[in-house]
Amino acid sequence: MVQMKKLCYLLLLLLISFSCSQNHSNKIHDIIQPINLEEGVEKEIVISDLFYAEHYELAFSPNMNVAIEYDSIGNLLKMKANEGFTGLDVLEFTFEN
């Protein structure tokens, strides 16, 4: 009977320690915060304001909802929402391949 109690306590302790050791954070945190655009208004962003890197070798994929122009020398990204577009979209790019 004493061994049964010890076994129950051991199992309970294992369950508590296992449940406490797991990471319960399922939140996704964006590395680059969302950027709001207004229709017809061009927005200019300095890439180094979005994220840090020693060198910025970016290549942007075409986007049918947002006109983008990337100036690699000035490290600037110019964006403008296409006429009639409302909603959320993602600008895809590669960083150093």
N, C-alpha and C. Protein backbone atom coordinates (compact mmCIF):
# COMPACT_ATOMS: atom_id res chain seq x y z
N MET A 1 0.81 -1.19 0.00
CA MET A 1 0.00 0.00 0.00
C MET A 1 0.87 1.27 0.00
N VAL A 2 1.95 1.24 0.76
CA VAL A 2 2.85 2.39 0.83
C VAL A 2 3.53 2.61 -0.51
N GLN A 3 3.90 1.52 -1.18
CA GLN A 3 4.53 1.64 -2.49
C GLN A 3 3.55 2.20 -3.52
N MET A 4 2.30 1.86 -3.40
CA MET A 4 1.29 2.37 -4.32
C MET A 4 1.15 3.88 -4.17
N LYS A 5 1.17 4.38 -2.93
CA LYS A 5 1.09 5.82 -2.69
C LYS A 5 2.31 6.53 -3.25
N LYS A 6 3.48 5.91 -3.05
CA LYS A 6 4.71 6.50 -3.58
C LYS A 6 4.66 6.56 -5.11
N LEU A 7 4.16 5.51 -5.73
CA LEU A 7 4.04 5.46 -7.18
C LEU A 7 3.07 6.54 -7.68
N CYS A 8 1.96 6.73 -6.98
CA CYS A 8 0.99 7.76 -7.35
C CYS A 8 1.59 9.15 -7.23
N TYR A 9 2.33 9.39 -6.13
CA TYR A 9 2.99 10.68 -5.95
C TYR A 9 4.03 10.93 -7.03
N LEU A 10 4.76 9.88 -7.39
CA LEU A 10 5.78 10.01 -8.43
C LEU A 10 5.14 10.34 -9.78
N LEU A 11 4.05 9.66 -10.10
CA LEU A 11 3.34 9.93 -11.35
C LEU A 11 2.77 11.35 -11.37
N LEU A 12 2.22 11.76 -10.25
CA LEU A 12 1.67 13.11 -10.15
C LEU A 12 2.77 14.15 -10.31
N LEU A 13 3.90 13.92 -9.69
CA LEU A 13 5.04 14.83 -9.80
C LEU A 13 5.55 14.90 -11.24
N LEU A 14 5.61 13.77 -11.91
CA LEU A 14 6.04 13.74 -13.31
C LEU A 14 5.07 14.51 -14.20
N LEU A 15 3.78 14.33 -13.98
CA LEU A 15 2.78 15.04 -14.77
C LEU A 15 2.87 16.55 -14.56
N ILE A 16 3.04 16.96 -13.32
CA ILE A 16 3.14 18.39 -13.03
C ILE A 16 4.40 18.97 -13.65
N SER A 17 5.53 18.28 -13.51
CA SER A 17 6.78 18.82 -14.06
C SER A 17 6.74 18.83 -15.59
N PHE A 18 6.10 17.83 -16.20
CA PHE A 18 6.00 17.80 -17.65
C PHE A 18 5.12 18.94 -18.16
N SER A 19 4.01 19.17 -17.51
CA SER A 19 3.10 20.22 -17.97
C SER A 19 3.70 21.60 -17.75
N CYS A 20 4.52 21.77 -16.74
CA CYS A 20 5.14 23.07 -16.48
C CYS A 20 6.32 23.33 -17.40
N SER A 21 6.92 22.29 -17.94
CA SER A 21 8.11 22.49 -18.76
C SER A 21 7.78 22.81 -20.21
N GLN A 22 6.56 22.57 -20.64
CA GLN A 22 6.21 22.84 -22.02
C GLN A 22 5.99 24.33 -22.23
N ASN A 23 6.32 24.78 -23.43
CA ASN A 23 6.12 26.18 -23.79
C ASN A 23 4.69 26.32 -24.32
N HIS A 24 3.88 27.07 -23.62
CA HIS A 24 2.48 27.22 -24.01
C HIS A 24 2.24 28.44 -24.87
N SER A 25 3.27 29.09 -25.31
CA SER A 25 3.12 30.29 -26.12
C SER A 25 2.98 29.89 -27.59
N ASN A 26 1.79 30.09 -28.13
CA ASN A 26 1.53 29.79 -29.53
C ASN A 26 1.40 31.04 -30.37
N LYS A 27 1.72 32.18 -29.79
CA LYS A 27 1.58 33.44 -30.51
C LYS A 27 2.67 33.56 -31.56
N ILE A 28 2.30 34.08 -32.70
CA ILE A 28 3.26 34.36 -33.75
C ILE A 28 3.61 35.83 -33.68
N HIS A 29 4.88 36.12 -33.64
CA HIS A 29 5.34 37.50 -33.59
C HIS A 29 6.01 37.83 -34.91
N ASP A 30 5.50 38.86 -35.58
CA ASP A 30 6.08 39.27 -36.84
C ASP A 30 7.45 39.87 -36.61
N ILE A 31 8.37 39.52 -37.49
CA ILE A 31 9.69 40.14 -37.44
C ILE A 31 9.57 41.56 -37.97
N ILE A 32 8.85 41.71 -39.06
CA ILE A 32 8.63 43.02 -39.65
C ILE A 32 7.16 43.39 -39.41
N GLN A 33 6.96 44.51 -38.77
CA GLN A 33 5.60 44.95 -38.45
C GLN A 33 4.83 45.33 -39.71
N PRO A 34 3.51 45.19 -39.70
CA PRO A 34 2.70 45.57 -40.86
C PRO A 34 2.85 47.05 -41.20
N ILE A 35 2.73 47.34 -42.49
CA ILE A 35 2.82 48.72 -42.98
C ILE A 35 1.49 49.05 -43.63
N ASN A 36 0.89 50.15 -43.21
CA ASN A 36 -0.40 50.56 -43.77
C ASN A 36 -0.18 51.51 -44.95
N LEU A 37 -0.88 51.22 -46.04
CA LEU A 37 -0.83 52.07 -47.22
C LEU A 37 -2.19 52.67 -47.48
N GLU A 38 -2.19 53.88 -48.05
CA GLU A 38 -3.42 54.51 -48.49
C GLU A 38 -3.43 54.51 -50.01
N GLU A 39 -4.61 54.27 -50.56
CA GLU A 39 -4.74 54.24 -52.01
C GLU A 39 -4.29 55.57 -52.60
N GLY A 40 -3.43 55.49 -53.60
CA GLY A 40 -2.96 56.67 -54.29
C GLY A 40 -1.82 57.42 -53.62
N VAL A 41 -1.39 56.96 -52.46
CA VAL A 41 -0.32 57.64 -51.73
C VAL A 41 0.90 56.72 -51.69
N GLU A 42 2.01 57.22 -52.19
CA GLU A 42 3.25 56.43 -52.17
C GLU A 42 3.90 56.54 -50.79
N LYS A 43 4.34 55.42 -50.30
CA LYS A 43 5.01 55.38 -49.00
C LYS A 43 6.45 54.94 -49.22
N GLU A 44 7.36 55.67 -48.60
CA GLU A 44 8.79 55.37 -48.73
C GLU A 44 9.31 54.89 -47.38
N ILE A 45 9.98 53.75 -47.41
CA ILE A 45 10.48 53.15 -46.17
C ILE A 45 11.97 52.86 -46.33
N VAL A 46 12.73 53.20 -45.30
CA VAL A 46 14.15 52.83 -45.26
C VAL A 46 14.22 51.39 -44.76
N ILE A 47 14.82 50.52 -45.55
CA ILE A 47 14.84 49.09 -45.21
C ILE A 47 15.48 48.84 -43.84
N SER A 48 16.50 49.59 -43.50
CA SER A 48 17.16 49.38 -42.20
C SER A 48 16.24 49.73 -41.03
N ASP A 49 15.14 50.45 -41.29
CA ASP A 49 14.15 50.71 -40.24
C ASP A 49 13.27 49.49 -39.98
N LEU A 50 13.24 48.55 -40.94
CA LEU A 50 12.41 47.36 -40.80
C LEU A 50 13.14 46.22 -40.08
N PHE A 51 14.40 46.01 -40.43
CA PHE A 51 15.21 44.98 -39.78
C PHE A 51 16.67 45.29 -39.99
N TYR A 52 17.51 44.74 -39.11
CA TYR A 52 18.94 45.01 -39.17
C TYR A 52 19.68 43.90 -39.92
N ALA A 53 20.62 44.30 -40.74
CA ALA A 53 21.54 43.38 -41.39
C ALA A 53 22.80 44.16 -41.75
N GLU A 54 23.91 43.46 -41.88
CA GLU A 54 25.15 44.14 -42.26
C GLU A 54 25.06 44.65 -43.69
N HIS A 55 24.48 43.85 -44.56
CA HIS A 55 24.29 44.22 -45.97
C HIS A 55 22.87 43.85 -46.37
N TYR A 56 22.27 44.65 -47.21
CA TYR A 56 20.90 44.40 -47.65
C TYR A 56 20.89 44.04 -49.12
N GLU A 57 20.85 42.75 -49.40
CA GLU A 57 20.73 42.27 -50.76
C GLU A 57 19.34 41.65 -50.90
N LEU A 58 18.36 42.48 -51.24
CA LEU A 58 16.97 42.04 -51.31
C LEU A 58 16.52 41.90 -52.75
N ALA A 59 15.65 40.94 -52.97
CA ALA A 59 14.99 40.78 -54.27
C ALA A 59 13.51 40.58 -53.99
N PHE A 60 12.68 41.50 -54.48
CA PHE A 60 11.24 41.44 -54.23
C PHE A 60 10.52 40.69 -55.34
N SER A 61 9.55 39.87 -54.94
CA SER A 61 8.69 39.18 -55.91
C SER A 61 7.63 40.15 -56.39
N PRO A 62 7.18 40.00 -57.63
CA PRO A 62 6.11 40.88 -58.12
C PRO A 62 4.84 40.72 -57.29
N ASN A 63 4.10 41.81 -57.18
CA ASN A 63 2.85 41.80 -56.41
C ASN A 63 1.79 42.52 -57.23
N MET A 64 0.64 41.89 -57.42
CA MET A 64 -0.40 42.47 -58.26
C MET A 64 -1.23 43.54 -57.54
N ASN A 65 -1.10 43.67 -56.22
CA ASN A 65 -1.88 44.64 -55.47
C ASN A 65 -1.10 45.87 -55.03
N VAL A 66 0.21 45.75 -55.01
CA VAL A 66 1.05 46.83 -54.54
C VAL A 66 2.19 47.05 -55.53
N ALA A 67 2.33 48.30 -55.99
CA ALA A 67 3.45 48.64 -56.85
C ALA A 67 4.66 48.91 -55.95
N ILE A 68 5.76 48.23 -56.22
CA ILE A 68 6.94 48.41 -55.40
C ILE A 68 8.14 48.80 -56.26
N GLU A 69 8.97 49.62 -55.67
CA GLU A 69 10.21 50.03 -56.31
C GLU A 69 11.29 50.00 -55.23
N TYR A 70 12.33 49.20 -55.47
CA TYR A 70 13.39 49.06 -54.48
C TYR A 70 14.66 49.71 -54.98
N ASP A 71 15.18 50.64 -54.21
CA ASP A 71 16.44 51.33 -54.51
C ASP A 71 17.51 50.71 -53.63
N SER A 72 18.31 49.82 -54.21
CA SER A 72 19.32 49.11 -53.41
C SER A 72 20.46 50.02 -52.99
N ILE A 73 20.73 51.07 -53.74
CA ILE A 73 21.82 51.99 -53.39
C ILE A 73 21.40 52.86 -52.20
N GLY A 74 20.20 53.41 -52.26
CA GLY A 74 19.70 54.25 -51.17
C GLY A 74 19.04 53.47 -50.06
N ASN A 75 18.91 52.14 -50.28
CA ASN A 75 18.29 51.26 -49.29
C ASN A 75 16.85 51.68 -48.98
N LEU A 76 16.12 52.07 -50.03
CA LEU A 76 14.74 52.56 -49.88
C LEU A 76 13.77 51.65 -50.60
N LEU A 77 12.60 51.49 -50.01
CA LEU A 77 11.51 50.76 -50.63
C LEU A 77 10.35 51.73 -50.79
N LYS A 78 9.91 51.89 -52.03
CA LYS A 78 8.75 52.74 -52.32
C LYS A 78 7.58 51.82 -52.65
N MET A 79 6.45 52.06 -51.97
CA MET A 79 5.27 51.22 -52.16
C MET A 79 4.04 52.10 -52.40
N LYS A 80 3.16 51.58 -53.24
CA LYS A 80 1.91 52.29 -53.50
C LYS A 80 0.84 51.23 -53.80
N ALA A 81 -0.27 51.30 -53.07
CA ALA A 81 -1.36 50.36 -53.31
C ALA A 81 -1.98 50.65 -54.68
N ASN A 82 -2.22 49.60 -55.44
CA ASN A 82 -2.84 49.77 -56.75
C ASN A 82 -4.28 50.26 -56.59
N GLU A 83 -4.75 50.99 -57.57
CA GLU A 83 -6.08 51.57 -57.52
C GLU A 83 -7.14 50.49 -57.33
N GLY A 84 -8.01 50.72 -56.37
CA GLY A 84 -9.11 49.79 -56.11
C GLY A 84 -8.77 48.68 -55.13
N PHE A 85 -7.50 48.54 -54.75
CA PHE A 85 -7.14 47.47 -53.82
C PHE A 85 -7.39 47.90 -52.38
N THR A 86 -8.10 47.05 -51.67
CA THR A 86 -8.26 47.20 -50.22
C THR A 86 -8.05 45.82 -49.61
N GLY A 87 -7.51 45.77 -48.44
CA GLY A 87 -7.30 44.50 -47.78
C GLY A 87 -5.88 44.33 -47.30
N LEU A 88 -5.49 43.10 -47.16
CA LEU A 88 -4.18 42.74 -46.62
C LEU A 88 -3.43 41.94 -47.67
N ASP A 89 -2.16 42.23 -47.83
CA ASP A 89 -1.33 41.47 -48.75
C ASP A 89 0.07 41.37 -48.18
N VAL A 90 0.85 40.49 -48.71
CA VAL A 90 2.21 40.25 -48.24
C VAL A 90 3.18 40.53 -49.37
N LEU A 91 4.22 41.31 -49.07
CA LEU A 91 5.29 41.52 -50.03
C LEU A 91 6.36 40.47 -49.77
N GLU A 92 6.55 39.61 -50.72
CA GLU A 92 7.56 38.57 -50.55
C GLU A 92 8.89 39.06 -51.08
N PHE A 93 9.95 38.73 -50.34
CA PHE A 93 11.29 39.07 -50.79
C PHE A 93 12.28 38.03 -50.29
N THR A 94 13.41 37.99 -50.96
CA THR A 94 14.49 37.13 -50.50
C THR A 94 15.60 38.03 -50.00
N PHE A 95 16.29 37.55 -49.00
CA PHE A 95 17.39 38.28 -48.38
C PHE A 95 18.65 37.47 -48.56
N GLU A 96 19.61 38.00 -49.31
CA GLU A 96 20.86 37.30 -49.61
C GLU A 96 20.60 35.89 -50.09
N ASN A 97 19.81 35.76 -51.12
CA ASN A 97 19.41 34.48 -51.72
C ASN A 97 18.59 33.65 -50.77
